[in-house]
Amino acid sequence: MTRDRKVGLGAMVLVLVALASFPYLGTSGYQVSIASTVLIAAILASTVNLLAADGGMASLGHGAIAGAAAYGAGWASLQGHPMVTQVLVAMGVGVLVTFVYGVLSMRTNGIYFLMVTLALGMVVFGLAYRLSSVTRGENGITGIERPDVLAEPWMFYLFLVACFAVTTGLLWVVSSSPFGATMRGIRDSESRMRSLGYYVPAYKLGAFMISGTVASFAGLLAVWHTHFVSPSATNLERSVLLIVMVILGGLGTTLGPLVGAAIVILVENVVSNSVERWPTVLGLIFIFVILFARSGLVGSAAKLVRRRRRGDPDGSGDPEPAEPAGLTTTTTVP
């Protein structure tokens, strides 16, 4: 194991210990609830992080996938089904929506992939409004209970910490596997990977299915947390904020989604109590990170640590970035 991986693993362990200790630090129920929201958002953002970092596929539909799973749990709850059935229905609906997304978008890339996921997300949002016999329209579904063993807020919070640790570990394993390496190869050059014999659409569909399954699980956790689901859970804003979380924390970093989720959730739920125009505050934070920490807060901090370790704090020893292919000019001397 390399030194950087050891440092990263140590940082993850410290973060998990800090998260698990949070309810025992004299925190209020409201603070535990906000922390639970952060963890759920971090799990969901990590799925977007996997697709965007390893596959170069920025999705604007993951909020809708999580919302679809939440509606599955809500519908099963309305029908009086037991908890196990609610979980199976929620995951089944989420995975089905993910499969539709994947099939329709696996042959696209770049802006076209973005637009396909955006369009499908809007379809899910429209269905949440129109299928009122199932979704109860704009009134939403209330009274969705979580398992009795997780009824206490602190127990549910500790369960979320465990879920965050497991899902983060699983996504890290996927990213570090040959499958993840293949996805990065596809991200860099699809034509080259095709010439090597890889069936690119299948790999893209596989990555989307892995990401969407974890996103569906996050949607189930979200509806257990709020006991309520409405069309707002599937709207475009949710998916856009997930991308903002990933960029703020650092694309391709393990702890980036958690840091980005903490910033967005705290601004949305805490700063908004004092500042009416909280989206402006979030926008200013986003601009600051883009201008001064392009690798995100976690990514930039990791780069700074590596530079100081090799005695190059200003980064002057870093190699110049390669010029993008297709923009290089050549001069012929007669």
C-alpha atoms as a PDB file:
ATOM      1  CA  MET A   1       0.000   0.000   0.000  1.00  0.00           C
ATOM      2  CA  THR A   2       1.400   3.398  -0.992  1.00  0.00           C
ATOM      3  CA  ARG A   3       1.939   6.188   1.509  1.00  0.00           C
ATOM      4  CA  ASP A   4      -0.868   8.283   0.012  1.00  0.00           C
ATOM      5  CA  ARG A   5      -3.311   5.396   0.403  1.00  0.00           C
ATOM      6  CA  LYS A   6      -2.243   4.874   4.000  1.00  0.00           C
ATOM      7  CA  VAL A   7      -2.818   8.562   4.717  1.00  0.00           C
ATOM      8  CA  GLY A   8      -6.201   8.418   2.979  1.00  0.00           C
ATOM      9  CA  LEU A   9      -7.229   5.335   4.929  1.00  0.00           C
ATOM     10  CA  GLY A  10      -6.165   6.954   8.187  1.00  0.00           C
ATOM     11  CA  ALA A  11      -8.150  10.084   7.355  1.00  0.00           C
ATOM     12  CA  MET A  12     -11.229   7.978   6.593  1.00  0.00           C
ATOM     13  CA  VAL A  13     -10.937   6.131   9.910  1.00  0.00           C
ATOM     14  CA  LEU A  14     -10.628   9.412  11.818  1.00  0.00           C
ATOM     15  CA  VAL A  15     -13.649  10.854  10.009  1.00  0.00           C
ATOM     16  CA  LEU A  16     -15.753   7.764  10.769  1.00  0.00           C
ATOM     17  CA  VAL A  17     -14.757   7.880  14.449  1.00  0.00           C
ATOM     18  CA  ALA A  18     -15.692  11.566  14.579  1.00  0.00           C
ATOM     19  CA  LEU A  19     -19.028  10.894  12.878  1.00  0.00           C
ATOM     20  CA  ALA A  20     -19.852   7.992  15.207  1.00  0.00           C
ATOM     21  CA  SER A  21     -19.013  10.143  18.244  1.00  0.00           C
ATOM     22  CA  PHE A  22     -21.224  13.029  17.168  1.00  0.00           C
ATOM     23  CA  PRO A  23     -24.442  12.027  19.031  1.00  0.00           C
ATOM     24  CA  TYR A  24     -22.497  11.694  22.295  1.00  0.00           C
ATOM     25  CA  LEU A  25     -21.078  15.236  22.251  1.00  0.00           C
ATOM     26  CA  GLY A  26     -24.134  16.862  23.800  1.00  0.00           C
ATOM     27  CA  THR A  27     -25.739  17.567  20.441  1.00  0.00           C
ATOM     28  CA  SER A  28     -29.439  18.309  20.100  1.00  0.00           C
ATOM     29  CA  GLY A  29     -31.966  16.275  18.151  1.00  0.00           C
ATOM     30  CA  TYR A  30     -32.001  18.955  15.458  1.00  0.00           C
ATOM     31  CA  GLN A  31     -28.236  18.745  15.021  1.00  0.00           C
ATOM     32  CA  VAL A  32     -28.378  14.956  14.756  1.00  0.00           C
ATOM     33  CA  SER A  33     -31.127  15.325  12.148  1.00  0.00           C
ATOM     34  CA  ILE A  34     -28.999  17.733  10.092  1.00  0.00           C
ATOM     35  CA  ALA A  35     -26.018  15.376  10.357  1.00  0.00           C
ATOM     36  CA  SER A  36     -28.238  12.513   9.155  1.00  0.00           C
ATOM     37  CA  THR A  37     -29.269  14.598   6.148  1.00  0.00           C
ATOM     38  CA  VAL A  38     -25.597  15.285   5.383  1.00  0.00           C
ATOM     39  CA  LEU A  39     -24.737  11.572   5.451  1.00  0.00           C
ATOM     40  CA  ILE A  40     -27.615  10.647   3.129  1.00  0.00           C
ATOM     41  CA  ALA A  41     -26.648  13.441   0.720  1.00  0.00           C
ATOM     42  CA  ALA A  42     -23.005  12.295   0.868  1.00  0.00           C
ATOM     43  CA  ILE A  43     -23.966   8.730  -0.088  1.00  0.00           C
ATOM     44  CA  LEU A  44     -26.000  10.042  -3.007  1.00  0.00           C
ATOM     45  CA  ALA A  45     -23.264  12.469  -4.091  1.00  0.00           C
ATOM     46  CA  SER A  46     -20.681   9.662  -4.017  1.00  0.00           C
ATOM     47  CA  THR A  47     -22.652   7.860  -6.746  1.00  0.00           C
ATOM     48  CA  VAL A  48     -22.451  10.949  -8.964  1.00  0.00           C
ATOM     49  CA  ASN A  49     -18.754  11.206  -8.076  1.00  0.00           C
ATOM     50  CA  LEU A  50     -18.124   7.654  -9.311  1.00  0.00           C
ATOM     51  CA  LEU A  51     -19.765   8.271 -12.680  1.00  0.00           C
ATOM     52  CA  ALA A  52     -18.251  11.704 -13.248  1.00  0.00           C
ATOM     53  CA  ALA A  53     -14.715  10.917 -12.081  1.00  0.00           C
ATOM     54  CA  ASP A  54     -14.173   7.438 -13.528  1.00  0.00           C
ATOM     55  CA  GLY A  55     -16.586   7.528 -16.448  1.00  0.00           C
ATOM     56  CA  GLY A  56     -16.628  11.208 -17.374  1.00  0.00           C
ATOM     57  CA  MET A  57     -20.430  11.051 -17.173  1.00  0.00           C
ATOM     58  CA  ALA A  58     -22.002  13.911 -15.218  1.00  0.00           C
ATOM     59  CA  SER A  59     -25.562  12.870 -14.422  1.00  0.00           C
ATOM     60  CA  LEU A  60     -28.455  15.259 -13.866  1.00  0.00           C
ATOM     61  CA  GLY A  61     -30.834  12.416 -13.065  1.00  0.00           C
ATOM     62  CA  HIS A  62     -29.605  10.838  -9.840  1.00  0.00           C
ATOM     63  CA  GLY A  63     -31.915  12.945  -7.719  1.00  0.00           C
ATOM     64  CA  ALA A  64     -34.830  11.497  -9.706  1.00  0.00           C
ATOM     65  CA  ILE A  65     -33.512   7.936  -9.248  1.00  0.00           C
ATOM     66  CA  ALA A  66     -33.379   8.389  -5.479  1.00  0.00           C
ATOM     67  CA  GLY A  67     -36.813  10.014  -5.540  1.00  0.00           C
ATOM     68  CA  ALA A  68     -38.275   7.097  -7.509  1.00  0.00           C
ATOM     69  CA  ALA A  69     -36.972   4.658  -4.883  1.00  0.00           C
ATOM     70  CA  ALA A  70     -38.465   6.834  -2.150  1.00  0.00           C
ATOM     71  CA  TYR A  71     -41.836   6.750  -3.908  1.00  0.00           C
ATOM     72  CA  GLY A  72     -41.573   2.966  -4.124  1.00  0.00           C
ATOM     73  CA  ALA A  73     -41.212   2.773  -0.350  1.00  0.00           C
ATOM     74  CA  GLY A  74     -44.050   5.265   0.082  1.00  0.00           C
ATOM     75  CA  TRP A  75     -46.427   3.331  -2.155  1.00  0.00           C
ATOM     76  CA  ALA A  76     -45.660   0.044  -0.372  1.00  0.00           C
ATOM     77  CA  SER A  77     -46.246   1.776   2.951  1.00  0.00           C
ATOM     78  CA  LEU A  78     -49.641   3.063   1.785  1.00  0.00           C
ATOM     79  CA  GLN A  79     -50.639  -0.474   0.825  1.00  0.00           C
ATOM     80  CA  GLY A  80     -49.802  -1.707   4.305  1.00  0.00           C
ATOM     81  CA  HIS A  81     -46.970  -3.994   3.178  1.00  0.00           C
ATOM     82  CA  PRO A  82     -44.370  -5.120   5.747  1.00  0.00           C
ATOM     83  CA  MET A  83     -40.995  -3.415   5.994  1.00  0.00           C
ATOM     84  CA  VAL A  84     -39.158  -6.051   3.960  1.00  0.00           C
ATOM     85  CA  THR A  85     -41.593  -5.572   1.082  1.00  0.00           C
ATOM     86  CA  GLN A  86     -41.166  -1.805   1.288  1.00  0.00           C
ATOM     87  CA  VAL A  87     -37.401  -2.194   0.952  1.00  0.00           C
ATOM     88  CA  LEU A  88     -37.726  -4.588  -1.993  1.00  0.00           C
ATOM     89  CA  VAL A  89     -40.239  -2.357  -3.795  1.00  0.00           C
ATOM     90  CA  ALA A  90     -38.125   0.758  -3.219  1.00  0.00           C
ATOM     91  CA  MET A  91     -34.954  -0.879  -4.512  1.00  0.00           C
ATOM     92  CA  GLY A  92     -36.826  -2.531  -7.380  1.00  0.00           C
ATOM     93  CA  VAL A  93     -38.316   0.755  -8.580  1.00  0.00           C
ATOM     94  CA  GLY A  94     -34.983   2.544  -8.229  1.00  0.00           C
ATOM     95  CA  VAL A  95     -33.057  -0.136 -10.118  1.00  0.00           C
ATOM     96  CA  LEU A  96     -35.717  -0.234 -12.864  1.00  0.00           C
ATOM     97  CA  VAL A  97     -35.482   3.530 -13.359  1.00  0.00           C
ATOM     98  CA  THR A  98     -31.684   3.234 -13.333  1.00  0.00           C
ATOM     99  CA  PHE A  99     -31.811   0.563 -16.036  1.00  0.00           C
ATOM    100  CA  VAL A 100     -34.000   2.761 -18.248  1.00  0.00           C
ATOM    101  CA  TYR A 101     -31.585   5.646 -17.727  1.00  0.00           C
ATOM    102  CA  GLY A 102     -28.613   3.440 -18.538  1.00  0.00           C
ATOM    103  CA  VAL A 103     -30.073   1.874 -21.671  1.00  0.00           C
ATOM    104  CA  LEU A 104     -31.066   5.241 -23.113  1.00  0.00           C
ATOM    105  CA  SER A 105     -27.799   6.987 -22.274  1.00  0.00           C
ATOM    106  CA  MET A 106     -25.080   4.330 -22.638  1.00  0.00           C
ATOM    107  CA  ARG A 107     -24.341   5.273 -26.257  1.00  0.00           C
ATOM    108  CA  THR A 108     -23.971   8.966 -25.499  1.00  0.00           C
ATOM    109  CA  ASN A 109     -21.235  11.028 -23.903  1.00  0.00           C
ATOM    110  CA  GLY A 110     -20.434  14.584 -22.906  1.00  0.00           C
ATOM    111  CA  ILE A 111     -23.240  17.104 -23.269  1.00  0.00           C
ATOM    112  CA  TYR A 112     -25.518  14.508 -24.880  1.00  0.00           C
ATOM    113  CA  PHE A 113     -25.277  12.247 -21.830  1.00  0.00           C
ATOM    114  CA  LEU A 114     -26.020  15.245 -19.634  1.00  0.00           C
ATOM    115  CA  MET A 115     -29.104  16.171 -21.647  1.00  0.00           C
ATOM    116  CA  VAL A 116     -30.460  12.597 -21.723  1.00  0.00           C
ATOM    117  CA  THR A 117     -30.253  12.280 -17.938  1.00  0.00           C
ATOM    118  CA  LEU A 118     -31.781  15.742 -17.583  1.00  0.00           C
ATOM    119  CA  ALA A 119     -34.719  14.804 -19.829  1.00  0.00           C
ATOM    120  CA  LEU A 120     -35.329  11.516 -18.016  1.00  0.00           C
ATOM    121  CA  GLY A 121     -35.195  13.283 -14.677  1.00  0.00           C
ATOM    122  CA  MET A 122     -37.876  15.683 -15.869  1.00  0.00           C
ATOM    123  CA  VAL A 123     -39.999  12.706 -16.940  1.00  0.00           C
ATOM    124  CA  VAL A 124     -39.790  11.206 -13.448  1.00  0.00           C
ATOM    125  CA  PHE A 125     -40.638  14.603 -11.942  1.00  0.00           C
ATOM    126  CA  GLY A 126     -43.676  14.901 -14.221  1.00  0.00           C
ATOM    127  CA  LEU A 127     -44.875  11.396 -13.349  1.00  0.00           C
ATOM    128  CA  ALA A 128     -44.597  12.208  -9.646  1.00  0.00           C
ATOM    129  CA  TYR A 129     -47.089  15.007 -10.233  1.00  0.00           C
ATOM    130  CA  ARG A 130     -49.411  13.292 -12.708  1.00  0.00           C
ATOM    131  CA  LEU A 131     -49.745   9.796 -11.238  1.00  0.00           C
ATOM    132  CA  SER A 132     -51.648  11.132  -8.264  1.00  0.00           C
ATOM    133  CA  SER A 133     -53.385   7.795  -7.688  1.00  0.00           C
ATOM    134  CA  VAL A 134     -49.978   6.361  -6.806  1.00  0.00           C
ATOM    135  CA  THR A 135     -47.949   9.380  -5.680  1.00  0.00           C
ATOM    136  CA  ARG A 136     -50.748  11.597  -4.252  1.00  0.00           C
ATOM    137  CA  GLY A 137     -49.567  14.381  -6.532  1.00  0.00           C
ATOM    138  CA  GLU A 138     -48.201  17.554  -4.993  1.00  0.00           C
ATOM    139  CA  ASN A 139     -49.438  16.503  -1.533  1.00  0.00           C
ATOM    140  CA  GLY A 140     -46.924  13.676  -1.424  1.00  0.00           C
ATOM    141  CA  ILE A 141     -46.966  10.554   0.721  1.00  0.00           C
ATOM    142  CA  THR A 142     -46.672  10.884   4.491  1.00  0.00           C
ATOM    143  CA  GLY A 143     -46.379   8.505   7.412  1.00  0.00           C
ATOM    144  CA  ILE A 144     -43.623   6.332   5.918  1.00  0.00           C
ATOM    145  CA  GLU A 145     -42.060   4.532   8.874  1.00  0.00           C
ATOM    146  CA  ARG A 146     -38.587   3.078   9.190  1.00  0.00           C
ATOM    147  CA  PRO A 147     -37.778  -0.221  10.974  1.00  0.00           C
ATOM    148  CA  ASP A 148     -38.548  -0.253  14.707  1.00  0.00           C
ATOM    149  CA  VAL A 149     -34.936  -0.971  15.579  1.00  0.00           C
ATOM    150  CA  LEU A 150     -34.004   2.356  13.933  1.00  0.00           C
ATOM    151  CA  ALA A 151     -36.869   4.354  15.420  1.00  0.00           C
ATOM    152  CA  GLU A 152     -34.637   6.390  17.749  1.00  0.00           C
ATOM    153  CA  PRO A 153     -32.907   9.269  15.908  1.00  0.00           C
ATOM    154  CA  TRP A 154     -29.473   8.439  17.323  1.00  0.00           C
ATOM    155  CA  MET A 155     -29.792   4.788  16.330  1.00  0.00           C
ATOM    156  CA  PHE A 156     -30.776   5.790  12.809  1.00  0.00           C
ATOM    157  CA  TYR A 157     -27.840   8.205  12.696  1.00  0.00           C
ATOM    158  CA  LEU A 158     -25.354   5.492  13.680  1.00  0.00           C
ATOM    159  CA  PHE A 159     -26.935   3.239  11.051  1.00  0.00           C
ATOM    160  CA  LEU A 160     -26.326   5.982   8.493  1.00  0.00           C
ATOM    161  CA  VAL A 161     -22.670   6.235   9.551  1.00  0.00           C
ATOM    162  CA  ALA A 162     -22.323   2.495   8.935  1.00  0.00           C
ATOM    163  CA  CYS A 163     -24.105   2.798   5.571  1.00  0.00           C
ATOM    164  CA  PHE A 164     -21.820   5.668   4.570  1.00  0.00           C
ATOM    165  CA  ALA A 165     -18.740   3.623   5.481  1.00  0.00           C
ATOM    166  CA  VAL A 166     -19.937   0.536   3.583  1.00  0.00           C
ATOM    167  CA  THR A 167     -21.098   2.344   0.433  1.00  0.00           C
ATOM    168  CA  THR A 168     -17.973   4.507   0.312  1.00  0.00           C
ATOM    169  CA  GLY A 169     -15.828   1.396   0.675  1.00  0.00           C
ATOM    170  CA  LEU A 170     -17.742  -0.469  -2.033  1.00  0.00           C
ATOM    171  CA  LEU A 171     -17.519   2.433  -4.477  1.00  0.00           C
ATOM    172  CA  TRP A 172     -13.800   2.764  -3.730  1.00  0.00           C
ATOM    173  CA  VAL A 173     -13.325  -0.939  -4.494  1.00  0.00           C
ATOM    174  CA  VAL A 174     -15.204  -0.511  -7.783  1.00  0.00           C
ATOM    175  CA  SER A 175     -13.078   2.506  -8.704  1.00  0.00           C
ATOM    176  CA  SER A 176      -9.844   0.694  -7.816  1.00  0.00           C
ATOM    177  CA  SER A 177     -10.784  -2.490  -9.688  1.00  0.00           C
ATOM    178  CA  PRO A 178      -9.985  -3.370 -13.323  1.00  0.00           C
ATOM    179  CA  PHE A 179     -13.555  -2.292 -14.090  1.00  0.00           C
ATOM    180  CA  GLY A 180     -12.791   1.189 -12.760  1.00  0.00           C
ATOM    181  CA  ALA A 181      -9.560   1.322 -14.740  1.00  0.00           C
ATOM    182  CA  THR A 182     -11.489   0.379 -17.882  1.00  0.00           C
ATOM    183  CA  MET A 183     -14.014   3.146 -17.221  1.00  0.00           C
ATOM    184  CA  ARG A 184     -11.198   5.671 -16.914  1.00  0.00           C
ATOM    185  CA  GLY A 185      -9.813   4.410 -20.201  1.00  0.00           C
ATOM    186  CA  ILE A 186     -13.232   4.913 -21.809  1.00  0.00           C
ATOM    187  CA  ARG A 187     -13.397   8.384 -20.280  1.00  0.00           C
ATOM    188  CA  ASP A 188     -10.061   9.326 -21.841  1.00  0.00           C
ATOM    189  CA  SER A 189     -10.618   7.746 -25.258  1.00  0.00           C
ATOM    190  CA  GLU A 190     -13.633   5.669 -26.265  1.00  0.00           C
ATOM    191  CA  SER A 191     -12.259   4.970 -29.738  1.00  0.00           C
ATOM    192  CA  ARG A 192      -9.037   3.563 -28.318  1.00  0.00           C
ATOM    193  CA  MET A 193     -10.903   1.250 -25.928  1.00  0.00           C
ATOM    194  CA  ARG A 194     -13.141   0.061 -28.773  1.00  0.00           C
ATOM    195  CA  SER A 195     -10.078  -0.718 -30.851  1.00  0.00           C
ATOM    196  CA  LEU A 196      -8.755  -2.808 -27.946  1.00  0.00           C
ATOM    197  CA  GLY A 197     -11.916  -4.922 -28.020  1.00  0.00           C
ATOM    198  CA  TYR A 198     -13.924  -3.418 -25.162  1.00  0.00           C
ATOM    199  CA  TYR A 199     -17.688  -3.113 -25.642  1.00  0.00           C
ATOM    200  CA  VAL A 200     -18.034   0.437 -24.360  1.00  0.00           C
ATOM    201  CA  PRO A 201     -21.857   0.630 -23.996  1.00  0.00           C
ATOM    202  CA  ALA A 202     -21.870  -2.433 -21.713  1.00  0.00           C
ATOM    203  CA  TYR A 203     -19.277  -0.888 -19.404  1.00  0.00           C
ATOM    204  CA  LYS A 204     -21.193   2.383 -19.300  1.00  0.00           C
ATOM    205  CA  LEU A 205     -24.412   0.550 -18.477  1.00  0.00           C
ATOM    206  CA  GLY A 206     -22.626  -1.422 -15.764  1.00  0.00           C
ATOM    207  CA  ALA A 207     -21.236   1.752 -14.181  1.00  0.00           C
ATOM    208  CA  PHE A 208     -24.655   3.389 -14.304  1.00  0.00           C
ATOM    209  CA  MET A 209     -26.310   0.359 -12.710  1.00  0.00           C
ATOM    210  CA  ILE A 210     -23.802   0.295  -9.843  1.00  0.00           C
ATOM    211  CA  SER A 211     -24.174   4.028  -9.282  1.00  0.00           C
ATOM    212  CA  GLY A 212     -27.973   3.965  -9.590  1.00  0.00           C
ATOM    213  CA  THR A 213     -28.382   1.029  -7.197  1.00  0.00           C
ATOM    214  CA  VAL A 214     -26.515   2.889  -4.459  1.00  0.00           C
ATOM    215  CA  ALA A 215     -28.523   6.029  -5.308  1.00  0.00           C
ATOM    216  CA  SER A 216     -31.736   4.021  -4.884  1.00  0.00           C
ATOM    217  CA  PHE A 217     -30.544   2.906  -1.452  1.00  0.00           C
ATOM    218  CA  ALA A 218     -29.865   6.547  -0.577  1.00  0.00           C
ATOM    219  CA  GLY A 219     -33.430   7.397  -1.625  1.00  0.00           C
ATOM    220  CA  LEU A 220     -34.754   4.716   0.722  1.00  0.00           C
ATOM    221  CA  LEU A 221     -32.656   6.128   3.570  1.00  0.00           C
ATOM    222  CA  ALA A 222     -33.934   9.625   2.789  1.00  0.00           C
ATOM    223  CA  VAL A 223     -37.592   8.612   3.007  1.00  0.00           C
ATOM    224  CA  TRP A 224     -36.912   6.763   6.266  1.00  0.00           C
ATOM    225  CA  HIS A 225     -35.367   9.958   7.596  1.00  0.00           C
ATOM    226  CA  THR A 226     -38.112  12.382   6.597  1.00  0.00           C
ATOM    227  CA  HIS A 227     -41.104   9.944   6.677  1.00  0.00           C
ATOM    228  CA  PHE A 228     -42.341  11.867   3.636  1.00  0.00           C
ATOM    229  CA  VAL A 229     -41.825  12.064  -0.116  1.00  0.00           C
ATOM    230  CA  SER A 230     -43.148  14.618  -2.600  1.00  0.00           C
ATOM    231  CA  PRO A 231     -42.351  15.647  -6.204  1.00  0.00           C
ATOM    232  CA  SER A 232     -39.690  18.026  -4.886  1.00  0.00           C
ATOM    233  CA  ALA A 233     -37.567  14.940  -4.115  1.00  0.00           C
ATOM    234  CA  THR A 234     -37.256  14.292  -7.862  1.00  0.00           C
ATOM    235  CA  ASN A 235     -36.817  17.820  -9.205  1.00  0.00           C
ATOM    236  CA  LEU A 236     -33.813  19.090 -11.143  1.00  0.00           C
ATOM    237  CA  GLU A 237     -32.526  21.194  -8.242  1.00  0.00           C
ATOM    238  CA  ARG A 238     -31.738  18.063  -6.225  1.00  0.00           C
ATOM    239  CA  SER A 239     -29.603  16.619  -9.020  1.00  0.00           C
ATOM    240  CA  VAL A 240     -27.823  19.922  -9.672  1.00  0.00           C
ATOM    241  CA  LEU A 241     -26.937  20.244  -5.989  1.00  0.00           C
ATOM    242  CA  LEU A 242     -25.402  16.761  -6.089  1.00  0.00           C
ATOM    243  CA  ILE A 243     -22.984  17.905  -8.802  1.00  0.00           C
ATOM    244  CA  VAL A 244     -22.250  21.040  -6.771  1.00  0.00           C
ATOM    245  CA  MET A 245     -21.428  18.835  -3.762  1.00  0.00           C
ATOM    246  CA  VAL A 246     -19.008  16.748  -5.821  1.00  0.00           C
ATOM    247  CA  ILE A 247     -17.230  19.801  -7.244  1.00  0.00           C
ATOM    248  CA  LEU A 248     -16.987  21.540  -3.866  1.00  0.00           C
ATOM    249  CA  GLY A 249     -15.532  18.480  -2.170  1.00  0.00           C
ATOM    250  CA  GLY A 250     -13.322  17.382  -5.028  1.00  0.00           C
ATOM    251  CA  LEU A 251     -14.062  15.248  -8.070  1.00  0.00           C
ATOM    252  CA  GLY A 252     -12.619  11.758  -7.720  1.00  0.00           C
ATOM    253  CA  THR A 253     -11.826  12.059  -3.990  1.00  0.00           C
ATOM    254  CA  THR A 254     -13.162   9.642  -1.387  1.00  0.00           C
ATOM    255  CA  LEU A 255     -14.168  12.192   1.254  1.00  0.00           C
ATOM    256  CA  GLY A 256     -15.086  14.942  -1.221  1.00  0.00           C
ATOM    257  CA  PRO A 257     -18.799  14.048  -1.390  1.00  0.00           C
ATOM    258  CA  LEU A 258     -19.056  14.215   2.413  1.00  0.00           C
ATOM    259  CA  VAL A 259     -17.386  17.625   2.602  1.00  0.00           C
ATOM    260  CA  GLY A 260     -19.434  18.989  -0.291  1.00  0.00           C
ATOM    261  CA  ALA A 261     -22.663  17.599   1.164  1.00  0.00           C
ATOM    262  CA  ALA A 262     -21.889  19.186   4.538  1.00  0.00           C
ATOM    263  CA  ILE A 263     -21.376  22.610   2.937  1.00  0.00           C
ATOM    264  CA  VAL A 264     -24.538  22.486   0.819  1.00  0.00           C
ATOM    265  CA  ILE A 265     -26.795  21.060   3.558  1.00  0.00           C
ATOM    266  CA  LEU A 266     -25.537  23.506   6.198  1.00  0.00           C
ATOM    267  CA  VAL A 267     -26.045  26.484   3.890  1.00  0.00           C
ATOM    268  CA  GLU A 268     -29.505  25.232   2.858  1.00  0.00           C
ATOM    269  CA  ASN A 269     -30.745  24.371   6.354  1.00  0.00           C
ATOM    270  CA  VAL A 270     -28.749  26.538   8.775  1.00  0.00           C
ATOM    271  CA  VAL A 271     -27.552  29.641   6.941  1.00  0.00           C
ATOM    272  CA  SER A 272     -31.000  29.995   5.359  1.00  0.00           C
ATOM    273  CA  ASN A 273     -32.425  30.672   8.850  1.00  0.00           C
ATOM    274  CA  SER A 274     -30.458  33.922   8.973  1.00  0.00           C
ATOM    275  CA  VAL A 275     -29.956  34.804   5.303  1.00  0.00           C
ATOM    276  CA  GLU A 276     -32.971  34.926   3.023  1.00  0.00           C
ATOM    277  CA  ARG A 277     -30.934  34.635  -0.160  1.00  0.00           C
ATOM    278  CA  TRP A 278     -28.970  31.552   0.868  1.00  0.00           C
ATOM    279  CA  PRO A 279     -28.530  30.383  -2.765  1.00  0.00           C
ATOM    280  CA  THR A 280     -26.380  33.496  -3.263  1.00  0.00           C
ATOM    281  CA  VAL A 281     -24.156  32.425  -0.373  1.00  0.00           C
ATOM    282  CA  LEU A 282     -23.836  28.951  -1.863  1.00  0.00           C
ATOM    283  CA  GLY A 283     -23.060  30.462  -5.263  1.00  0.00           C
ATOM    284  CA  LEU A 284     -20.281  32.616  -3.797  1.00  0.00           C
ATOM    285  CA  ILE A 285     -18.746  29.576  -2.090  1.00  0.00           C
ATOM    286  CA  PHE A 286     -18.923  27.678  -5.371  1.00  0.00           C
ATOM    287  CA  ILE A 287     -17.225  30.507  -7.284  1.00  0.00           C
ATOM    288  CA  PHE A 288     -14.483  30.741  -4.641  1.00  0.00           C
ATOM    289  CA  VAL A 289     -13.742  27.013  -4.919  1.00  0.00           C
ATOM    290  CA  ILE A 290     -13.722  27.127  -8.725  1.00  0.00           C
ATOM    291  CA  LEU A 291     -11.277  30.067  -8.723  1.00  0.00           C
ATOM    292  CA  PHE A 292      -8.925  29.096  -5.902  1.00  0.00           C
ATOM    293  CA  ALA A 293      -9.345  25.343  -5.347  1.00  0.00           C
ATOM    294  CA  ARG A 294     -10.115  23.804  -8.711  1.00  0.00           C
ATOM    295  CA  SER A 295      -9.584  20.282  -7.394  1.00  0.00           C
ATOM    296  CA  GLY A 296     -12.190  20.884  -4.692  1.00  0.00           C
ATOM    297  CA  LEU A 297     -11.508  21.399  -1.010  1.00  0.00           C
ATOM    298  CA  VAL A 298     -10.397  17.820  -0.325  1.00  0.00           C
ATOM    299  CA  GLY A 299      -8.511  17.450  -3.597  1.00  0.00           C
ATOM    300  CA  SER A 300      -6.682  20.768  -3.170  1.00  0.00           C
ATOM    301  CA  ALA A 301      -5.796  19.966   0.456  1.00  0.00           C
ATOM    302  CA  ALA A 302      -4.361  16.610  -0.640  1.00  0.00           C
ATOM    303  CA  LYS A 303      -2.294  18.324  -3.355  1.00  0.00           C
ATOM    304  CA  LEU A 304      -0.966  20.856  -0.826  1.00  0.00           C
ATOM    305  CA  VAL A 305       0.082  18.059   1.542  1.00  0.00           C
ATOM    306  CA  ARG A 306       1.924  16.243  -1.250  1.00  0.00           C
ATOM    307  CA  ARG A 307       3.705  19.447  -2.300  1.00  0.00           C
ATOM    308  CA  ARG A 308       4.865  20.197   1.242  1.00  0.00           C
ATOM    309  CA  ARG A 309       6.063  16.620   1.624  1.00  0.00           C
ATOM    310  CA  ARG A 310       8.374  17.012  -1.366  1.00  0.00           C
ATOM    311  CA  GLY A 311       9.415  20.571  -0.425  1.00  0.00           C
ATOM    312  CA  ASP A 312       7.489  22.366  -3.190  1.00  0.00           C
ATOM    313  CA  PRO A 313       4.752  24.319  -1.354  1.00  0.00           C
ATOM    314  CA  ASP A 314       3.978  26.683  -4.248  1.00  0.00           C
ATOM    315  CA  GLY A 315       3.630  23.883  -6.788  1.00  0.00           C
ATOM    316  CA  SER A 316       6.369  25.295  -9.041  1.00  0.00           C
ATOM    317  CA  GLY A 317       7.756  21.797  -9.511  1.00  0.00           C
ATOM    318  CA  ASP A 318       4.495  20.441 -10.872  1.00  0.00           C
ATOM    319  CA  PRO A 319       4.591  19.595 -14.586  1.00  0.00           C
ATOM    320  CA  GLU A 320       2.728  21.863 -16.928  1.00  0.00           C
ATOM    321  CA  PRO A 321      -0.627  20.400 -18.004  1.00  0.00           C
ATOM    322  CA  ALA A 322      -0.594  18.777 -21.408  1.00  0.00           C
ATOM    323  CA  GLU A 323      -2.232  20.689 -24.206  1.00  0.00           C
ATOM    324  CA  PRO A 324      -5.552  19.126 -25.196  1.00  0.00           C
ATOM    325  CA  ALA A 325      -5.444  16.880 -28.226  1.00  0.00           C
ATOM    326  CA  GLY A 326      -6.574  18.607 -31.364  1.00  0.00           C
ATOM    327  CA  LEU A 327      -5.399  22.058 -30.261  1.00  0.00           C
ATOM    328  CA  THR A 328      -1.718  21.533 -30.913  1.00  0.00           C
ATOM    329  CA  THR A 329      -0.340  23.515 -33.829  1.00  0.00           C
ATOM    330  CA  THR A 330       2.662  22.504 -35.846  1.00  0.00           C
ATOM    331  CA  THR A 331       4.929  24.735 -37.879  1.00  0.00           C
ATOM    332  CA  THR A 332       6.726  23.473 -40.942  1.00  0.00           C
ATOM    333  CA  VAL A 333      10.102  25.084 -41.545  1.00  0.00           C
ATOM    334  CA  PRO A 334      11.147  25.117 -45.214  1.00  0.00           C
END
